[in-house]
Amino acid sequence: MNVFLWVIVPYLCLAVFVVGHLWRYRYDKFGWTTRSSQLYEDRLLRLGSPLFHFGMLGVVGGHVIGLLVPRSWTEAVGVDDHLYHYVAVIGGLIAGVVALVGMTILIYRRRTVGPVFSATTVMDKVMYAFLGAAIVLGMWNTIAGSIFSLGGEYNYREGVSVWYRSFLAFQPDADLMAEAPIGFQLHALVAFGLFALWPFTRLVHVFSAPVGYLTRPYVVYRSRDDRSLGSAAPRRGWDQVPR
């Protein structure tokens, strides 16, 4: 069971994530969008969308540091366990609360605004359920394990983080996740499910950031001819078309 949950399932979800994006880009380019509903309602969107997106940036950044940066690296630059724990707990809770509040506003908007609700698909609802569960479980692990130490002290940097790096190196150690508290296990399984759903939801827009706008040349607008400039009156009659 440990091998199934912490080796087979993660790699299946990773395969669906990669192949699903390739498939959708190949056969559904016109559907590669967030299906914006700003025209239907703007007030709640202007409040909920920035909260959700900036909160998720903090959540993702915290996971990247917590999972990919080994403990020895932070100690090498003078960040001890106490300082790391303090920053991770405070920053993680703030980012999680901001993202959760933003998502709650967006879900409320999607449910109460008729045209927006009509444009909501089944996959949107499933995606919101998995995303909300992942955020709530992550905050619960932070509160229960890091603040109140419910279920005993657990250092995820010596367990979950090591397993994640071994998973990316294609040498996963299932025992590391099997020994983690149930909250961390559920959080990981929900995250795997979210990654498997990712290619088939509006989340694909994450990979459509308009980076090209930073380097593209300026668009220069010119008049058709000199006669359109100044205050000269236009000539009467037909214009000659060059052959």
Protein backbone atom coordinates (compact mmCIF):
# COMPACT_ATOMS: atom_id res chain seq x y z
CA MET A 1 0.00 0.00 0.00
CA ASN A 2 2.84 2.42 0.79
CA VAL A 3 4.39 1.80 -2.61
CA PHE A 4 1.01 2.30 -4.29
CA LEU A 5 0.23 5.56 -2.47
CA TRP A 6 3.66 7.17 -2.48
CA VAL A 7 5.26 5.80 -5.65
CA ILE A 8 2.65 4.63 -8.19
CA VAL A 9 -0.05 7.27 -7.56
CA PRO A 10 2.34 10.26 -7.65
CA TYR A 11 3.95 9.17 -10.90
CA LEU A 12 0.54 8.45 -12.48
CA CYS A 13 -0.61 11.95 -11.55
CA LEU A 14 2.63 13.43 -12.89
CA ALA A 15 2.19 11.53 -16.18
CA VAL A 16 -1.41 12.78 -16.51
CA PHE A 17 -0.20 16.31 -15.74
CA VAL A 18 2.43 16.27 -18.51
CA VAL A 19 0.56 14.28 -21.16
CA GLY A 20 -2.70 16.10 -20.43
CA HIS A 21 -1.14 19.49 -21.07
CA LEU A 22 0.45 18.29 -24.32
CA TRP A 23 -2.87 16.83 -25.45
CA ARG A 24 -4.86 19.94 -24.62
CA TYR A 25 -2.35 22.26 -26.28
CA ARG A 26 -2.48 20.08 -29.38
CA TYR A 27 -6.25 19.63 -29.65
CA ASP A 28 -7.78 22.47 -27.62
CA LYS A 29 -5.71 25.60 -28.20
CA PHE A 30 -8.80 27.81 -28.35
CA GLY A 31 -9.90 26.42 -24.98
CA TRP A 32 -6.55 27.25 -23.37
CA THR A 33 -8.01 30.14 -21.42
CA THR A 34 -9.49 31.17 -18.09
CA ARG A 35 -12.85 31.80 -19.79
CA SER A 36 -12.96 35.27 -18.28
CA SER A 37 -16.31 36.34 -16.84
CA GLN A 38 -15.35 39.94 -16.11
CA LEU A 39 -18.07 41.23 -18.44
CA TYR A 40 -20.75 39.64 -16.24
CA GLU A 41 -19.56 41.05 -12.92
CA ASP A 42 -16.60 43.22 -11.97
CA ARG A 43 -16.92 44.40 -8.36
CA LEU A 44 -16.37 41.07 -6.57
CA LEU A 45 -13.84 39.98 -9.18
CA ARG A 46 -11.65 43.03 -8.55
CA LEU A 47 -11.55 42.10 -4.86
CA GLY A 48 -11.34 38.32 -4.94
CA SER A 49 -9.01 37.77 -7.88
CA PRO A 50 -5.99 39.76 -6.56
CA LEU A 51 -6.39 38.24 -3.09
CA PHE A 52 -6.49 34.73 -4.51
CA HIS A 53 -3.65 35.11 -6.98
CA PHE A 54 -1.24 36.96 -4.67
CA GLY A 55 -2.07 34.54 -1.87
CA MET A 56 -1.36 31.58 -4.14
CA LEU A 57 1.97 33.12 -5.16
CA GLY A 58 2.93 33.12 -1.50
CA VAL A 59 1.67 29.57 -1.01
CA VAL A 60 3.56 28.25 -4.03
CA GLY A 61 6.71 30.15 -3.06
CA GLY A 62 6.58 28.71 0.45
CA HIS A 63 6.20 25.18 -0.91
CA VAL A 64 9.10 25.63 -3.32
CA ILE A 65 11.38 26.77 -0.50
CA GLY A 66 10.11 24.20 1.99
CA LEU A 67 10.26 21.21 -0.35
CA LEU A 68 13.19 21.94 -2.63
CA VAL A 69 15.65 23.75 -0.35
CA PRO A 70 17.42 21.27 1.98
CA ARG A 71 17.85 22.06 5.64
CA SER A 72 21.63 22.12 5.27
CA TRP A 73 21.39 24.95 2.73
CA THR A 74 19.47 27.29 5.00
CA GLU A 75 21.77 26.48 7.90
CA ALA A 76 24.77 27.26 5.69
CA VAL A 77 23.52 30.83 5.16
CA GLY A 78 22.88 31.36 8.87
CA VAL A 79 19.14 30.57 9.05
CA ASP A 80 18.63 28.29 12.04
CA ASP A 81 15.58 26.08 12.65
CA HIS A 82 13.91 28.60 14.97
CA LEU A 83 14.07 31.48 12.47
CA TYR A 84 13.05 29.25 9.57
CA HIS A 85 10.13 27.86 11.56
CA TYR A 86 8.98 31.35 12.59
CA VAL A 87 9.08 32.75 9.04
CA ALA A 88 7.48 29.65 7.52
CA VAL A 89 4.58 29.58 9.99
CA ILE A 90 3.79 33.30 9.87
CA GLY A 91 4.29 33.64 6.12
CA GLY A 92 2.46 30.42 5.34
CA LEU A 93 -0.58 31.31 7.42
CA ILE A 94 -0.82 34.80 5.95
CA ALA A 95 -0.56 33.50 2.38
CA GLY A 96 -3.03 30.69 3.07
CA VAL A 97 -5.61 32.99 4.65
CA VAL A 98 -5.32 35.53 1.82
CA ALA A 99 -5.70 32.82 -0.83
CA LEU A 100 -8.61 31.20 0.99
CA VAL A 101 -10.46 34.50 1.44
CA GLY A 102 -9.93 35.34 -2.22
CA MET A 103 -11.15 31.93 -3.35
CA THR A 104 -14.21 32.20 -1.09
CA ILE A 105 -15.12 35.53 -2.70
CA LEU A 106 -14.68 34.05 -6.19
CA ILE A 107 -16.82 31.01 -5.35
CA TYR A 108 -19.50 33.25 -3.82
CA ARG A 109 -19.45 35.38 -6.98
CA ARG A 110 -19.64 32.32 -9.20
CA ARG A 111 -22.61 30.97 -7.25
CA THR A 112 -24.64 34.16 -6.85
CA VAL A 113 -24.11 35.88 -10.21
CA GLY A 114 -26.40 34.16 -12.70
CA PRO A 115 -24.38 34.46 -15.93
CA VAL A 116 -21.17 33.48 -14.14
CA PHE A 117 -22.84 30.46 -12.59
CA SER A 118 -24.21 29.43 -15.97
CA ALA A 119 -20.68 29.51 -17.39
CA THR A 120 -19.36 27.28 -14.58
CA THR A 121 -18.48 23.76 -15.69
CA VAL A 122 -18.36 20.55 -13.71
CA MET A 123 -14.56 20.58 -13.90
CA ASP A 124 -14.57 24.09 -12.40
CA LYS A 125 -16.48 22.80 -9.39
CA VAL A 126 -14.21 19.78 -8.97
CA MET A 127 -11.13 22.00 -9.30
CA TYR A 128 -12.39 24.40 -6.63
CA ALA A 129 -13.08 21.48 -4.29
CA PHE A 130 -9.59 20.03 -4.63
CA LEU A 131 -7.89 23.42 -4.46
CA GLY A 132 -9.85 24.46 -1.38
CA ALA A 133 -9.16 21.14 0.33
CA ALA A 134 -5.43 21.45 -0.39
CA ILE A 135 -5.29 24.97 1.08
CA VAL A 136 -7.29 24.04 4.19
CA LEU A 137 -5.23 20.90 4.84
CA GLY A 138 -2.01 22.86 4.40
CA MET A 139 -3.16 25.46 6.94
CA TRP A 140 -4.30 22.71 9.31
CA ASN A 141 -0.87 21.08 9.16
CA THR A 142 0.72 24.43 9.95
CA ILE A 143 -1.61 25.18 12.87
CA ALA A 144 -1.85 21.69 14.33
CA GLY A 145 1.73 20.58 13.82
CA SER A 146 3.71 23.79 14.08
CA ILE A 147 1.75 25.88 16.59
CA PHE A 148 -0.09 23.46 18.86
CA SER A 149 2.08 20.39 18.16
CA LEU A 150 -0.99 18.16 17.95
CA GLY A 151 0.02 14.56 17.34
CA GLY A 152 3.58 15.24 18.43
CA GLU A 153 6.40 17.26 16.93
CA TYR A 154 7.06 16.53 13.25
CA ASN A 155 9.74 18.14 11.11
CA TYR A 156 8.51 17.90 7.52
CA ARG A 157 11.92 19.01 6.26
CA GLU A 158 13.34 15.68 7.36
CA GLY A 159 10.45 13.61 6.02
CA VAL A 160 8.07 15.02 3.41
CA SER A 161 10.67 17.33 1.85
CA VAL A 162 13.23 14.54 1.53
CA TRP A 163 10.60 12.28 -0.04
CA TYR A 164 9.62 15.00 -2.53
CA ARG A 165 13.19 15.54 -3.67
CA SER A 166 13.69 11.78 -4.00
CA PHE A 167 10.46 11.63 -6.01
CA LEU A 168 11.76 14.26 -8.44
CA ALA A 169 15.02 12.33 -8.69
CA PHE A 170 13.01 9.17 -9.61
CA GLN A 171 14.24 7.42 -6.48
CA PRO A 172 11.23 7.80 -4.15
CA ASP A 173 11.42 6.48 -0.61
CA ALA A 174 7.84 5.50 0.24
CA ASP A 175 8.67 4.95 3.92
CA LEU A 176 9.30 8.67 4.44
CA MET A 177 5.73 9.57 3.52
CA ALA A 178 4.30 6.51 5.28
CA GLU A 179 5.78 7.83 8.55
CA ALA A 180 4.34 11.34 8.10
CA PRO A 181 1.23 12.43 10.07
CA ILE A 182 -2.13 11.80 8.43
CA GLY A 183 -2.61 15.52 7.76
CA PHE A 184 0.51 15.69 5.60
CA GLN A 185 -0.49 12.50 3.80
CA LEU A 186 -3.97 13.81 2.97
CA HIS A 187 -2.50 17.13 1.86
CA ALA A 188 -0.14 15.31 -0.50
CA LEU A 189 -2.84 13.04 -1.93
CA VAL A 190 -5.19 15.97 -2.59
CA ALA A 191 -2.33 17.83 -4.23
CA PHE A 192 -1.66 14.82 -6.50
CA GLY A 193 -5.33 14.80 -7.49
CA LEU A 194 -5.21 18.51 -8.24
CA PHE A 195 -2.18 18.08 -10.49
CA ALA A 196 -3.94 15.26 -12.35
CA LEU A 197 -7.00 17.50 -12.90
CA TRP A 198 -4.90 20.54 -13.84
CA PRO A 199 -4.71 20.04 -17.65
CA PHE A 200 -8.49 19.73 -17.94
CA THR A 201 -9.42 22.89 -16.03
CA ARG A 202 -8.97 26.65 -16.34
CA LEU A 203 -5.72 26.30 -14.36
CA VAL A 204 -3.86 25.84 -17.66
CA HIS A 205 -3.71 29.64 -17.91
CA VAL A 206 -0.85 29.49 -15.40
CA PHE A 207 1.38 28.47 -18.32
CA SER A 208 0.14 31.29 -20.54
CA ALA A 209 1.80 34.27 -18.89
CA PRO A 210 2.33 37.02 -21.50
CA VAL A 211 6.11 37.04 -21.13
CA GLY A 212 6.50 37.93 -24.80
CA TYR A 213 5.08 41.38 -24.14
CA LEU A 214 8.30 42.26 -22.32
CA THR A 215 10.48 41.82 -25.39
CA ARG A 216 8.20 42.45 -28.37
CA PRO A 217 8.86 45.60 -30.46
CA TYR A 218 6.73 48.68 -30.19
CA VAL A 219 3.66 48.94 -32.37
CA VAL A 220 4.04 52.03 -34.55
CA TYR A 221 0.92 53.65 -35.94
CA ARG A 222 1.22 55.77 -39.13
CA SER A 223 -1.30 57.65 -41.20
CA ARG A 224 -2.04 56.45 -44.71
CA ASP A 225 -0.68 59.56 -46.39
CA ASP A 226 0.31 63.14 -45.72
CA ARG A 227 -3.10 64.49 -46.64
CA SER A 228 -4.58 63.11 -43.41
CA LEU A 229 -2.28 65.36 -41.40
CA GLY A 230 -2.83 69.01 -40.54
CA SER A 231 -5.94 71.05 -41.26
CA ALA A 232 -5.97 70.85 -45.07
CA ALA A 233 -9.38 70.10 -46.52
CA PRO A 234 -9.68 66.72 -48.25
CA ARG A 235 -9.85 66.72 -52.05
CA ARG A 236 -13.08 65.86 -53.74
CA GLY A 237 -13.45 62.88 -56.03
CA TRP A 238 -12.03 59.40 -56.15
CA ASP A 239 -8.49 58.62 -55.05
CA GLN A 240 -6.29 56.96 -57.60
CA VAL A 241 -5.37 53.42 -56.64
CA PRO A 242 -1.83 52.43 -57.64
CA ARG A 243 -1.56 49.34 -59.82
